[in-house]
Amino acid sequence: MIAGDIDGALASVEQPLQANSPVIRSRALRLRGELRLIQGRTELAEADFREAIAIAQKMGAKALELGATTSLPRLLDQQGRRDEARSMLAEICNWFTEGFDTADLQDAKALLDELSR
């Protein structure tokens, strides 16, 4: 992907969105949400993040859920919905009892600290 080619990136993510694999679909939705967020399409980005979270929850895939749940609170915070963002992120972070050295969990914890200030 050429830096700044968001439309091209969005076109590229359409194929994985058609996958029968819920893991691939959840990750593709999160990516599409991030791309839509760059475009300023916040309602569509939020819908993508929420669908990615729902798919991960249905599978019981907490690591996948953590990633998508980290993206949504950033958006909610930008919209002035900090309490909702903090609550959502705290719930998933508190589920984990190990793996605190993973990048995703460290990122989530750092965001939670930021939202708690």
PDB file of N, CA and C in Angstrom:
ATOM      1  N   MET A   1       0.839  -1.187   0.000  1.00  0.00           N
ATOM      2  CA  MET A   1       0.000   0.000   0.000  1.00  0.00           C
ATOM      3  C   MET A   1       0.876   1.239   0.000  1.00  0.00           C
ATOM      4  N   ILE A   2       0.563   2.175  -0.842  1.00  0.00           N
ATOM      5  CA  ILE A   2       1.254   3.452  -0.873  1.00  0.00           C
ATOM      6  C   ILE A   2       0.688   4.293   0.261  1.00  0.00           C
ATOM      7  N   ALA A   3       1.600   4.949   1.021  1.00  0.00           N
ATOM      8  CA  ALA A   3       1.162   5.776   2.145  1.00  0.00           C
ATOM      9  C   ALA A   3       0.130   6.783   1.657  1.00  0.00           C
ATOM     10  N   GLY A   4      -0.989   6.818   2.334  1.00  0.00           N
ATOM     11  CA  GLY A   4      -2.035   7.768   1.999  1.00  0.00           C
ATOM     12  C   GLY A   4      -3.073   7.232   1.028  1.00  0.00           C
ATOM     13  N   ASP A   5      -2.885   6.051   0.497  1.00  0.00           N
ATOM     14  CA  ASP A   5      -3.846   5.474  -0.436  1.00  0.00           C
ATOM     15  C   ASP A   5      -4.920   4.710   0.340  1.00  0.00           C
ATOM     16  N   ILE A   6      -5.720   5.447   1.075  1.00  0.00           N
ATOM     17  CA  ILE A   6      -6.744   4.841   1.924  1.00  0.00           C
ATOM     18  C   ILE A   6      -7.801   4.146   1.079  1.00  0.00           C
ATOM     19  N   ASP A   7      -8.180   4.748  -0.037  1.00  0.00           N
ATOM     20  CA  ASP A   7      -9.186   4.114  -0.900  1.00  0.00           C
ATOM     21  C   ASP A   7      -8.680   2.775  -1.424  1.00  0.00           C
ATOM     22  N   GLY A   8      -7.408   2.718  -1.809  1.00  0.00           N
ATOM     23  CA  GLY A   8      -6.824   1.468  -2.272  1.00  0.00           C
ATOM     24  C   GLY A   8      -6.782   0.428  -1.160  1.00  0.00           C
ATOM     25  N   ALA A   9      -6.449   0.879   0.034  1.00  0.00           N
ATOM     26  CA  ALA A   9      -6.418  -0.036   1.182  1.00  0.00           C
ATOM     27  C   ALA A   9      -7.818  -0.562   1.486  1.00  0.00           C
ATOM     28  N   LEU A  10      -8.807   0.304   1.414  1.00  0.00           N
ATOM     29  CA  LEU A  10     -10.186  -0.132   1.651  1.00  0.00           C
ATOM     30  C   LEU A  10     -10.621  -1.160   0.603  1.00  0.00           C
ATOM     31  N   ALA A  11     -10.224  -0.949  -0.635  1.00  0.00           N
ATOM     32  CA  ALA A  11     -10.557  -1.916  -1.686  1.00  0.00           C
ATOM     33  C   ALA A  11      -9.879  -3.259  -1.400  1.00  0.00           C
ATOM     34  N   SER A  12      -8.655  -3.214  -0.915  1.00  0.00           N
ATOM     35  CA  SER A  12      -7.913  -4.445  -0.614  1.00  0.00           C
ATOM     36  C   SER A  12      -8.517  -5.230   0.534  1.00  0.00           C
ATOM     37  N   VAL A  13      -9.134  -4.548   1.472  1.00  0.00           N
ATOM     38  CA  VAL A  13      -9.678  -5.234   2.646  1.00  0.00           C
ATOM     39  C   VAL A  13     -11.039  -5.876   2.355  1.00  0.00           C
ATOM     40  N   GLU A  14     -11.629  -5.574   1.221  1.00  0.00           N
ATOM     41  CA  GLU A  14     -12.945  -6.141   0.897  1.00  0.00           C
ATOM     42  C   GLU A  14     -12.911  -7.658   0.728  1.00  0.00           C
ATOM     43  N   GLN A  15     -11.870  -8.188   0.128  1.00  0.00           N
ATOM     44  CA  GLN A  15     -11.801  -9.639  -0.070  1.00  0.00           C
ATOM     45  C   GLN A  15     -11.777 -10.393   1.257  1.00  0.00           C
ATOM     46  N   PRO A  16     -10.921 -10.024   2.218  1.00  0.00           N
ATOM     47  CA  PRO A  16     -10.957 -10.736   3.508  1.00  0.00           C
ATOM     48  C   PRO A  16     -12.300 -10.591   4.230  1.00  0.00           C
ATOM     49  N   LEU A  17     -13.027  -9.523   3.958  1.00  0.00           N
ATOM     50  CA  LEU A  17     -14.329  -9.353   4.596  1.00  0.00           C
ATOM     51  C   LEU A  17     -15.336 -10.398   4.124  1.00  0.00           C
ATOM     52  N   GLN A  18     -15.065 -11.001   2.970  1.00  0.00           N
ATOM     53  CA  GLN A  18     -15.955 -12.030   2.435  1.00  0.00           C
ATOM     54  C   GLN A  18     -15.585 -13.432   2.928  1.00  0.00           C
ATOM     55  N   ALA A  19     -14.515 -13.515   3.694  1.00  0.00           N
ATOM     56  CA  ALA A  19     -14.031 -14.817   4.169  1.00  0.00           C
ATOM     57  C   ALA A  19     -15.037 -15.489   5.096  1.00  0.00           C
ATOM     58  N   ASN A  20     -15.042 -16.808   5.051  1.00  0.00           N
ATOM     59  CA  ASN A  20     -15.897 -17.580   5.953  1.00  0.00           C
ATOM     60  C   ASN A  20     -15.288 -17.701   7.339  1.00  0.00           C
ATOM     61  N   SER A  21     -14.035 -17.330   7.476  1.00  0.00           N
ATOM     62  CA  SER A  21     -13.342 -17.430   8.752  1.00  0.00           C
ATOM     63  C   SER A  21     -13.703 -16.243   9.643  1.00  0.00           C
ATOM     64  N   PRO A  22     -14.282 -16.493  10.818  1.00  0.00           N
ATOM     65  CA  PRO A  22     -14.605 -15.373  11.700  1.00  0.00           C
ATOM     66  C   PRO A  22     -13.362 -14.622  12.182  1.00  0.00           C
ATOM     67  N   VAL A  23     -12.241 -15.309  12.318  1.00  0.00           N
ATOM     68  CA  VAL A  23     -11.003 -14.637  12.742  1.00  0.00           C
ATOM     69  C   VAL A  23     -10.578 -13.623  11.687  1.00  0.00           C
ATOM     70  N   ILE A  24     -10.546 -14.064  10.439  1.00  0.00           N
ATOM     71  CA  ILE A  24     -10.146 -13.169   9.349  1.00  0.00           C
ATOM     72  C   ILE A  24     -11.147 -12.026   9.214  1.00  0.00           C
ATOM     73  N   ARG A  25     -12.416 -12.340   9.308  1.00  0.00           N
ATOM     74  CA  ARG A  25     -13.456 -11.304   9.181  1.00  0.00           C
ATOM     75  C   ARG A  25     -13.345 -10.268  10.290  1.00  0.00           C
ATOM     76  N   SER A  26     -13.120 -10.709  11.523  1.00  0.00           N
ATOM     77  CA  SER A  26     -12.993  -9.776  12.645  1.00  0.00           C
ATOM     78  C   SER A  26     -11.784  -8.860  12.456  1.00  0.00           C
ATOM     79  N   ARG A  27     -10.666  -9.438  12.058  1.00  0.00           N
ATOM     80  CA  ARG A  27      -9.457  -8.620  11.841  1.00  0.00           C
ATOM     81  C   ARG A  27      -9.649  -7.648  10.684  1.00  0.00           C
ATOM     82  N   ALA A  28     -10.307  -8.094   9.627  1.00  0.00           N
ATOM     83  CA  ALA A  28     -10.546  -7.225   8.480  1.00  0.00           C
ATOM     84  C   ALA A  28     -11.494  -6.080   8.845  1.00  0.00           C
ATOM     85  N   LEU A  29     -12.482  -6.364   9.669  1.00  0.00           N
ATOM     86  CA  LEU A  29     -13.396  -5.310  10.119  1.00  0.00           C
ATOM     87  C   LEU A  29     -12.661  -4.267  10.948  1.00  0.00           C
ATOM     88  N   ARG A  30     -11.781  -4.731  11.819  1.00  0.00           N
ATOM     89  CA  ARG A  30     -11.000  -3.779  12.619  1.00  0.00           C
ATOM     90  C   ARG A  30     -10.149  -2.907  11.715  1.00  0.00           C
ATOM     91  N   LEU A  31      -9.489  -3.517  10.739  1.00  0.00           N
ATOM     92  CA  LEU A  31      -8.658  -2.763   9.805  1.00  0.00           C
ATOM     93  C   LEU A  31      -9.493  -1.771   9.006  1.00  0.00           C
ATOM     94  N   ARG A  32     -10.645  -2.222   8.512  1.00  0.00           N
ATOM     95  CA  ARG A  32     -11.507  -1.310   7.766  1.00  0.00           C
ATOM     96  C   ARG A  32     -11.965  -0.159   8.654  1.00  0.00           C
ATOM     97  N   GLY A  33     -12.261  -0.460   9.917  1.00  0.00           N
ATOM     98  CA  GLY A  33     -12.642   0.600  10.844  1.00  0.00           C
ATOM     99  C   GLY A  33     -11.535   1.626  11.015  1.00  0.00           C
ATOM    100  N   GLU A  34     -10.303   1.153  11.135  1.00  0.00           N
ATOM    101  CA  GLU A  34      -9.169   2.074  11.275  1.00  0.00           C
ATOM    102  C   GLU A  34      -9.021   2.944  10.033  1.00  0.00           C
ATOM    103  N   LEU A  35      -9.197   2.347   8.863  1.00  0.00           N
ATOM    104  CA  LEU A  35      -9.103   3.106   7.614  1.00  0.00           C
ATOM    105  C   LEU A  35     -10.233   4.124   7.494  1.00  0.00           C
ATOM    106  N   ARG A  36     -11.420   3.710   7.864  1.00  0.00           N
ATOM    107  CA  ARG A  36     -12.557   4.640   7.821  1.00  0.00           C
ATOM    108  C   ARG A  36     -12.367   5.775   8.817  1.00  0.00           C
ATOM    109  N   LEU A  37     -11.747   5.479   9.921  1.00  0.00           N
ATOM    110  CA  LEU A  37     -11.476   6.513  10.919  1.00  0.00           C
ATOM    111  C   LEU A  37     -10.528   7.564  10.343  1.00  0.00           C
ATOM    112  N   ILE A  38      -9.525   7.124   9.610  1.00  0.00           N
ATOM    113  CA  ILE A  38      -8.601   8.062   8.958  1.00  0.00           C
ATOM    114  C   ILE A  38      -9.357   8.965   7.998  1.00  0.00           C
ATOM    115  N   GLN A  39     -10.355   8.415   7.342  1.00  0.00           N
ATOM    116  CA  GLN A  39     -11.165   9.196   6.403  1.00  0.00           C
ATOM    117  C   GLN A  39     -12.165  10.112   7.105  1.00  0.00           C
ATOM    118  N   GLY A  40     -12.301   9.972   8.409  1.00  0.00           N
ATOM    119  CA  GLY A  40     -13.276  10.776   9.143  1.00  0.00           C
ATOM    120  C   GLY A  40     -14.680  10.196   9.108  1.00  0.00           C
ATOM    121  N   ARG A  41     -14.815   8.960   8.696  1.00  0.00           N
ATOM    122  CA  ARG A  41     -16.124   8.295   8.621  1.00  0.00           C
ATOM    123  C   ARG A  41     -16.352   7.555   9.943  1.00  0.00           C
ATOM    124  N   THR A  42     -16.565   8.331  10.995  1.00  0.00           N
ATOM    125  CA  THR A  42     -16.572   7.787  12.349  1.00  0.00           C
ATOM    126  C   THR A  42     -17.733   6.832  12.619  1.00  0.00           C
ATOM    127  N   GLU A  43     -18.904   7.104  12.071  1.00  0.00           N
ATOM    128  CA  GLU A  43     -20.043   6.205  12.315  1.00  0.00           C
ATOM    129  C   GLU A  43     -19.796   4.830  11.710  1.00  0.00           C
ATOM    130  N   LEU A  44     -19.250   4.819  10.502  1.00  0.00           N
ATOM    131  CA  LEU A  44     -18.941   3.542   9.858  1.00  0.00           C
ATOM    132  C   LEU A  44     -17.799   2.832  10.582  1.00  0.00           C
ATOM    133  N   ALA A  45     -16.810   3.593  11.032  1.00  0.00           N
ATOM    134  CA  ALA A  45     -15.695   3.008  11.781  1.00  0.00           C
ATOM    135  C   ALA A  45     -16.200   2.376  13.069  1.00  0.00           C
ATOM    136  N   GLU A  46     -17.066   3.083  13.780  1.00  0.00           N
ATOM    137  CA  GLU A  46     -17.612   2.547  15.024  1.00  0.00           C
ATOM    138  C   GLU A  46     -18.383   1.249  14.764  1.00  0.00           C
ATOM    139  N   ALA A  47     -19.159   1.226  13.702  1.00  0.00           N
ATOM    140  CA  ALA A  47     -19.922   0.014  13.364  1.00  0.00           C
ATOM    141  C   ALA A  47     -18.982  -1.154  13.069  1.00  0.00           C
ATOM    142  N   ASP A  48     -17.895  -0.876  12.352  1.00  0.00           N
ATOM    143  CA  ASP A  48     -16.921  -1.935  12.061  1.00  0.00           C
ATOM    144  C   ASP A  48     -16.275  -2.457  13.343  1.00  0.00           C
ATOM    145  N   PHE A  49     -15.868  -1.555  14.223  1.00  0.00           N
ATOM    146  CA  PHE A  49     -15.241  -1.973  15.482  1.00  0.00           C
ATOM    147  C   PHE A  49     -16.213  -2.809  16.312  1.00  0.00           C
ATOM    148  N   ARG A  50     -17.454  -2.358  16.400  1.00  0.00           N
ATOM    149  CA  ARG A  50     -18.438  -3.097  17.200  1.00  0.00           C
ATOM    150  C   ARG A  50     -18.719  -4.486  16.607  1.00  0.00           C
ATOM    151  N   GLU A  51     -18.763  -4.579  15.285  1.00  0.00           N
ATOM    152  CA  GLU A  51     -18.981  -5.888  14.672  1.00  0.00           C
ATOM    153  C   GLU A  51     -17.771  -6.801  14.894  1.00  0.00           C
ATOM    154  N   ALA A  52     -16.567  -6.241  14.800  1.00  0.00           N
ATOM    155  CA  ALA A  52     -15.355  -7.028  15.044  1.00  0.00           C
ATOM    156  C   ALA A  52     -15.346  -7.560  16.476  1.00  0.00           C
ATOM    157  N   ILE A  53     -15.755  -6.724  17.427  1.00  0.00           N
ATOM    158  CA  ILE A  53     -15.830  -7.137  18.838  1.00  0.00           C
ATOM    159  C   ILE A  53     -16.857  -8.250  18.996  1.00  0.00           C
ATOM    160  N   ALA A  54     -18.024  -8.074  18.389  1.00  0.00           N
ATOM    161  CA  ALA A  54     -19.096  -9.074  18.509  1.00  0.00           C
ATOM    162  C   ALA A  54     -18.669 -10.433  17.957  1.00  0.00           C
ATOM    163  N   ILE A  55     -17.982 -10.426  16.830  1.00  0.00           N
ATOM    164  CA  ILE A  55     -17.498 -11.687  16.249  1.00  0.00           C
ATOM    165  C   ILE A  55     -16.512 -12.349  17.198  1.00  0.00           C
ATOM    166  N   ALA A  56     -15.573 -11.580  17.724  1.00  0.00           N
ATOM    167  CA  ALA A  56     -14.573 -12.133  18.650  1.00  0.00           C
ATOM    168  C   ALA A  56     -15.243 -12.682  19.907  1.00  0.00           C
ATOM    169  N   GLN A  57     -16.231 -11.954  20.427  1.00  0.00           N
ATOM    170  CA  GLN A  57     -16.944 -12.416  21.626  1.00  0.00           C
ATOM    171  C   GLN A  57     -17.685 -13.717  21.350  1.00  0.00           C
ATOM    172  N   LYS A  58     -18.314 -13.806  20.191  1.00  0.00           N
ATOM    173  CA  LYS A  58     -19.058 -15.013  19.834  1.00  0.00           C
ATOM    174  C   LYS A  58     -18.137 -16.232  19.778  1.00  0.00           C
ATOM    175  N   MET A  59     -16.894 -16.003  19.339  1.00  0.00           N
ATOM    176  CA  MET A  59     -15.920 -17.094  19.258  1.00  0.00           C
ATOM    177  C   MET A  59     -15.236 -17.356  20.608  1.00  0.00           C
ATOM    178  N   GLY A  60     -15.360 -16.407  21.538  1.00  0.00           N
ATOM    179  CA  GLY A  60     -14.637 -16.523  22.803  1.00  0.00           C
ATOM    180  C   GLY A  60     -13.153 -16.246  22.622  1.00  0.00           C
ATOM    181  N   ALA A  61     -12.811 -15.482  21.598  1.00  0.00           N
ATOM    182  CA  ALA A  61     -11.419 -15.161  21.271  1.00  0.00           C
ATOM    183  C   ALA A  61     -11.026 -13.852  21.952  1.00  0.00           C
ATOM    184  N   LYS A  62     -10.586 -13.952  23.186  1.00  0.00           N
ATOM    185  CA  LYS A  62     -10.306 -12.756  23.989  1.00  0.00           C
ATOM    186  C   LYS A  62      -9.182 -11.904  23.421  1.00  0.00           C
ATOM    187  N   ALA A  63      -8.139 -12.522  22.866  1.00  0.00           N
ATOM    188  CA  ALA A  63      -7.047 -11.732  22.299  1.00  0.00           C
ATOM    189  C   ALA A  63      -7.538 -10.921  21.101  1.00  0.00           C
ATOM    190  N   LEU A  64      -8.353 -11.517  20.272  1.00  0.00           N
ATOM    191  CA  LEU A  64      -8.937 -10.827  19.133  1.00  0.00           C
ATOM    192  C   LEU A  64      -9.886  -9.729  19.607  1.00  0.00           C
ATOM    193  N   GLU A  65     -10.648 -10.028  20.624  1.00  0.00           N
ATOM    194  CA  GLU A  65     -11.559  -9.039  21.203  1.00  0.00           C
ATOM    195  C   GLU A  65     -10.785  -7.854  21.771  1.00  0.00           C
ATOM    196  N   LEU A  66      -9.654  -8.148  22.408  1.00  0.00           N
ATOM    197  CA  LEU A  66      -8.832  -7.082  22.983  1.00  0.00           C
ATOM    198  C   LEU A  66      -8.396  -6.094  21.911  1.00  0.00           C
ATOM    199  N   GLY A  67      -7.947  -6.604  20.773  1.00  0.00           N
ATOM    200  CA  GLY A  67      -7.500  -5.709  19.706  1.00  0.00           C
ATOM    201  C   GLY A  67      -8.604  -4.789  19.228  1.00  0.00           C
ATOM    202  N   ALA A  68      -9.746  -5.345  18.930  1.00  0.00           N
ATOM    203  CA  ALA A  68     -10.858  -4.533  18.443  1.00  0.00           C
ATOM    204  C   ALA A  68     -11.372  -3.593  19.525  1.00  0.00           C
ATOM    205  N   THR A  69     -11.349  -4.062  20.758  1.00  0.00           N
ATOM    206  CA  THR A  69     -11.836  -3.235  21.859  1.00  0.00           C
ATOM    207  C   THR A  69     -10.868  -2.102  22.161  1.00  0.00           C
ATOM    208  N   THR A  70      -9.627  -2.226  21.772  1.00  0.00           N
ATOM    209  CA  THR A  70      -8.678  -1.124  21.949  1.00  0.00           C
ATOM    210  C   THR A  70      -8.919  -0.041  20.903  1.00  0.00           C
ATOM    211  N   SER A  71      -9.343  -0.419  19.725  1.00  0.00           N
ATOM    212  CA  SER A  71      -9.608   0.568  18.671  1.00  0.00           C
ATOM    213  C   SER A  71     -10.840   1.412  18.976  1.00  0.00           C
ATOM    214  N   LEU A  72     -11.907   0.778  19.414  1.00  0.00           N
ATOM    215  CA  LEU A  72     -13.156   1.511  19.651  1.00  0.00           C
ATOM    216  C   LEU A  72     -13.034   2.570  20.748  1.00  0.00           C
ATOM    217  N   PRO A  73     -12.424   2.299  21.891  1.00  0.00           N
ATOM    218  CA  PRO A  73     -12.322   3.344  22.909  1.00  0.00           C
ATOM    219  C   PRO A  73     -11.553   4.594  22.463  1.00  0.00           C
ATOM    220  N   ARG A  74     -10.610   4.430  21.575  1.00  0.00           N
ATOM    221  CA  ARG A  74      -9.908   5.619  21.043  1.00  0.00           C
ATOM    222  C   ARG A  74     -10.906   6.529  20.332  1.00  0.00           C
ATOM    223  N   LEU A  75     -11.760   5.919  19.537  1.00  0.00           N
ATOM    224  CA  LEU A  75     -12.789   6.682  18.826  1.00  0.00           C
ATOM    225  C   LEU A  75     -13.774   7.306  19.809  1.00  0.00           C
ATOM    226  N   LEU A  76     -14.231   6.528  20.771  1.00  0.00           N
ATOM    227  CA  LEU A  76     -15.190   7.040  21.755  1.00  0.00           C
ATOM    228  C   LEU A  76     -14.611   8.213  22.530  1.00  0.00           C
ATOM    229  N   ASP A  77     -13.334   8.131  22.880  1.00  0.00           N
ATOM    230  CA  ASP A  77     -12.681   9.227  23.598  1.00  0.00           C
ATOM    231  C   ASP A  77     -12.669  10.489  22.749  1.00  0.00           C
ATOM    232  N   GLN A  78     -12.396  10.353  21.467  1.00  0.00           N
ATOM    233  CA  GLN A  78     -12.406  11.506  20.559  1.00  0.00           C
ATOM    234  C   GLN A  78     -13.786  12.147  20.482  1.00  0.00           C
ATOM    235  N   GLN A  79     -14.814  11.345  20.717  1.00  0.00           N
ATOM    236  CA  GLN A  79     -16.188  11.843  20.652  1.00  0.00           C
ATOM    237  C   GLN A  79     -16.680  12.349  22.009  1.00  0.00           C
ATOM    238  N   GLY A  80     -15.800  12.396  22.995  1.00  0.00           N
ATOM    239  CA  GLY A  80     -16.191  12.868  24.316  1.00  0.00           C
ATOM    240  C   GLY A  80     -16.906  11.819  25.143  1.00  0.00           C
ATOM    241  N   ARG A  81     -16.777  10.571  24.776  1.00  0.00           N
ATOM    242  CA  ARG A  81     -17.451   9.465  25.473  1.00  0.00           C
ATOM    243  C   ARG A  81     -16.419   8.678  26.286  1.00  0.00           C
ATOM    244  N   ARG A  82     -15.627   9.416  27.063  1.00  0.00           N
ATOM    245  CA  ARG A  82     -14.501   8.839  27.788  1.00  0.00           C
ATOM    246  C   ARG A  82     -14.939   7.793  28.811  1.00  0.00           C
ATOM    247  N   ASP A  83     -16.007   8.035  29.532  1.00  0.00           N
ATOM    248  CA  ASP A  83     -16.448   7.059  30.542  1.00  0.00           C
ATOM    249  C   ASP A  83     -16.819   5.728  29.887  1.00  0.00           C
ATOM    250  N   GLU A  84     -17.528   5.796  28.792  1.00  0.00           N
ATOM    251  CA  GLU A  84     -17.890   4.585  28.056  1.00  0.00           C
ATOM    252  C   GLU A  84     -16.636   3.871  27.557  1.00  0.00           C
ATOM    253  N   ALA A  85     -15.694   4.645  27.036  1.00  0.00           N
ATOM    254  CA  ALA A  85     -14.448   4.086  26.522  1.00  0.00           C
ATOM    255  C   ALA A  85     -13.663   3.389  27.631  1.00  0.00           C
ATOM    256  N   ARG A  86     -13.535   4.062  28.766  1.00  0.00           N
ATOM    257  CA  ARG A  86     -12.781   3.515  29.899  1.00  0.00           C
ATOM    258  C   ARG A  86     -13.435   2.248  30.435  1.00  0.00           C
ATOM    259  N   SER A  87     -14.728   2.260  30.579  1.00  0.00           N
ATOM    260  CA  SER A  87     -15.454   1.105  31.094  1.00  0.00           C
ATOM    261  C   SER A  87     -15.290  -0.112  30.186  1.00  0.00           C
ATOM    262  N   MET A  88     -15.435   0.110  28.891  1.00  0.00           N
ATOM    263  CA  MET A  88     -15.315  -0.962  27.914  1.00  0.00           C
ATOM    264  C   MET A  88     -13.913  -1.569  27.927  1.00  0.00           C
ATOM    265  N   LEU A  89     -12.914  -0.705  27.974  1.00  0.00           N
ATOM    266  CA  LEU A  89     -11.539  -1.177  27.939  1.00  0.00           C
ATOM    267  C   LEU A  89     -11.148  -1.850  29.256  1.00  0.00           C
ATOM    268  N   ALA A  90     -11.609  -1.310  30.364  1.00  0.00           N
ATOM    269  CA  ALA A  90     -11.294  -1.918  31.670  1.00  0.00           C
ATOM    270  C   ALA A  90     -11.869  -3.323  31.760  1.00  0.00           C
ATOM    271  N   GLU A  91     -13.057  -3.514  31.227  1.00  0.00           N
ATOM    272  CA  GLU A  91     -13.702  -4.827  31.290  1.00  0.00           C
ATOM    273  C   GLU A  91     -12.867  -5.899  30.589  1.00  0.00           C
ATOM    274  N   ILE A  92     -12.388  -5.597  29.391  1.00  0.00           N
ATOM    275  CA  ILE A  92     -11.601  -6.596  28.669  1.00  0.00           C
ATOM    276  C   ILE A  92     -10.209  -6.746  29.283  1.00  0.00           C
ATOM    277  N   CYS A  93      -9.600  -5.654  29.703  1.00  0.00           N
ATOM    278  CA  CYS A  93      -8.258  -5.740  30.306  1.00  0.00           C
ATOM    279  C   CYS A  93      -8.289  -6.549  31.602  1.00  0.00           C
ATOM    280  N   ASN A  94      -9.325  -6.378  32.385  1.00  0.00           N
ATOM    281  CA  ASN A  94      -9.421  -7.085  33.659  1.00  0.00           C
ATOM    282  C   ASN A  94      -9.661  -8.582  33.493  1.00  0.00           C
ATOM    283  N   TRP A  95     -10.071  -9.001  32.317  1.00  0.00           N
ATOM    284  CA  TRP A  95     -10.294 -10.423  32.063  1.00  0.00           C
ATOM    285  C   TRP A  95      -8.960 -11.170  32.052  1.00  0.00           C
ATOM    286  N   PHE A  96      -7.907 -10.502  31.567  1.00  0.00           N
ATOM    287  CA  PHE A  96      -6.615 -11.171  31.401  1.00  0.00           C
ATOM    288  C   PHE A  96      -5.901 -11.327  32.743  1.00  0.00           C
ATOM    289  N   THR A  97      -5.337 -12.512  32.941  1.00  0.00           N
ATOM    290  CA  THR A  97      -4.569 -12.797  34.158  1.00  0.00           C
ATOM    291  C   THR A  97      -3.112 -13.099  33.835  1.00  0.00           C
ATOM    292  N   GLU A  98      -2.795 -13.141  32.552  1.00  0.00           N
ATOM    293  CA  GLU A  98      -1.417 -13.354  32.111  1.00  0.00           C
ATOM    294  C   GLU A  98      -1.260 -12.726  30.741  1.00  0.00           C
ATOM    295  N   GLY A  99      -0.041 -12.743  30.232  1.00  0.00           N
ATOM    296  CA  GLY A  99       0.216 -12.169  28.918  1.00  0.00           C
ATOM    297  C   GLY A  99       0.438 -10.668  28.946  1.00  0.00           C
ATOM    298  N   PHE A 100       0.801 -10.163  30.114  1.00  0.00           N
ATOM    299  CA  PHE A 100       0.947  -8.713  30.252  1.00  0.00           C
ATOM    300  C   PHE A 100       2.142  -8.160  29.486  1.00  0.00           C
ATOM    301  N   ASP A 101       2.986  -9.036  28.959  1.00  0.00           N
ATOM    302  CA  ASP A 101       4.129  -8.586  28.179  1.00  0.00           C
ATOM    303  C   ASP A 101       3.818  -8.530  26.676  1.00  0.00           C
ATOM    304  N   THR A 102       2.589  -8.886  26.284  1.00  0.00           N
ATOM    305  CA  THR A 102       2.226  -8.823  24.865  1.00  0.00           C
ATOM    306  C   THR A 102       1.953  -7.378  24.456  1.00  0.00           C
ATOM    307  N   ALA A 103       2.247  -7.093  23.206  1.00  0.00           N
ATOM    308  CA  ALA A 103       2.073  -5.729  22.693  1.00  0.00           C
ATOM    309  C   ALA A 103       0.621  -5.256  22.795  1.00  0.00           C
ATOM    310  N   ASP A 104      -0.329  -6.131  22.457  1.00  0.00           N
ATOM    311  CA  ASP A 104      -1.740  -5.730  22.489  1.00  0.00           C
ATOM    312  C   ASP A 104      -2.195  -5.364  23.898  1.00  0.00           C
ATOM    313  N   LEU A 105      -1.805  -6.172  24.866  1.00  0.00           N
ATOM    314  CA  LEU A 105      -2.233  -5.891  26.233  1.00  0.00           C
ATOM    315  C   LEU A 105      -1.512  -4.668  26.793  1.00  0.00           C
ATOM    316  N   GLN A 106      -0.259  -4.488  26.448  1.00  0.00           N
ATOM    317  CA  GLN A 106       0.459  -3.293  26.889  1.00  0.00           C
ATOM    318  C   GLN A 106      -0.170  -2.039  26.288  1.00  0.00           C
ATOM    319  N   ASP A 107      -0.541  -2.110  25.023  1.00  0.00           N
ATOM    320  CA  ASP A 107      -1.197  -0.990  24.348  1.00  0.00           C
ATOM    321  C   ASP A 107      -2.535  -0.676  25.015  1.00  0.00           C
ATOM    322  N   ALA A 108      -3.301  -1.719  25.299  1.00  0.00           N
ATOM    323  CA  ALA A 108      -4.604  -1.529  25.943  1.00  0.00           C
ATOM    324  C   ALA A 108      -4.447  -0.926  27.334  1.00  0.00           C
ATOM    325  N   LYS A 109      -3.481  -1.426  28.091  1.00  0.00           N
ATOM    326  CA  LYS A 109      -3.252  -0.895  29.445  1.00  0.00           C
ATOM    327  C   LYS A 109      -2.812   0.565  29.391  1.00  0.00           C
ATOM    328  N   ALA A 110      -1.952   0.907  28.452  1.00  0.00           N
ATOM    329  CA  ALA A 110      -1.503   2.304  28.307  1.00  0.00           C
ATOM    330  C   ALA A 110      -2.684   3.209  27.962  1.00  0.00           C
ATOM    331  N   LEU A 111      -3.551   2.756  27.073  1.00  0.00           N
ATOM    332  CA  LEU A 111      -4.733   3.540  26.717  1.00  0.00           C
ATOM    333  C   LEU A 111      -5.665   3.661  27.916  1.00  0.00           C
ATOM    334  N   LEU A 112      -5.823   2.594  28.672  1.00  0.00           N
ATOM    335  CA  LEU A 112      -6.677   2.631  29.859  1.00  0.00           C
ATOM    336  C   LEU A 112      -6.121   3.637  30.869  1.00  0.00           C
ATOM    337  N   ASP A 113      -4.816   3.637  31.063  1.00  0.00           N
ATOM    338  CA  ASP A 113      -4.192   4.629  31.965  1.00  0.00           C
ATOM    339  C   ASP A 113      -4.476   6.045  31.487  1.00  0.00           C
ATOM    340  N   GLU A 114      -4.357   6.257  30.183  1.00  0.00           N
ATOM    341  CA  GLU A 114      -4.611   7.579  29.599  1.00  0.00           C
ATOM    342  C   GLU A 114      -6.076   7.989  29.811  1.00  0.00           C
ATOM    343  N   LEU A 115      -6.982   7.054  29.618  1.00  0.00           N
ATOM    344  CA  LEU A 115      -8.414   7.353  29.780  1.00  0.00           C
ATOM    345  C   LEU A 115      -8.783   7.583  31.240  1.00  0.00           C
ATOM    346  N   SER A 116      -7.979   7.070  32.148  1.00  0.00           N
ATOM    347  CA  SER A 116      -8.265   7.198  33.583  1.00  0.00           C
ATOM    348  C   SER A 116      -7.750   8.512  34.173  1.00  0.00           C
ATOM    349  N   ARG A 117      -6.981   9.249  33.408  1.00  0.00           N
ATOM    350  CA  ARG A 117      -6.453  10.534  33.906  1.00  0.00           C
ATOM    351  C   ARG A 117      -7.489  11.619  33.856  1.00  0.00           C
TER     352      ARG A 117
END
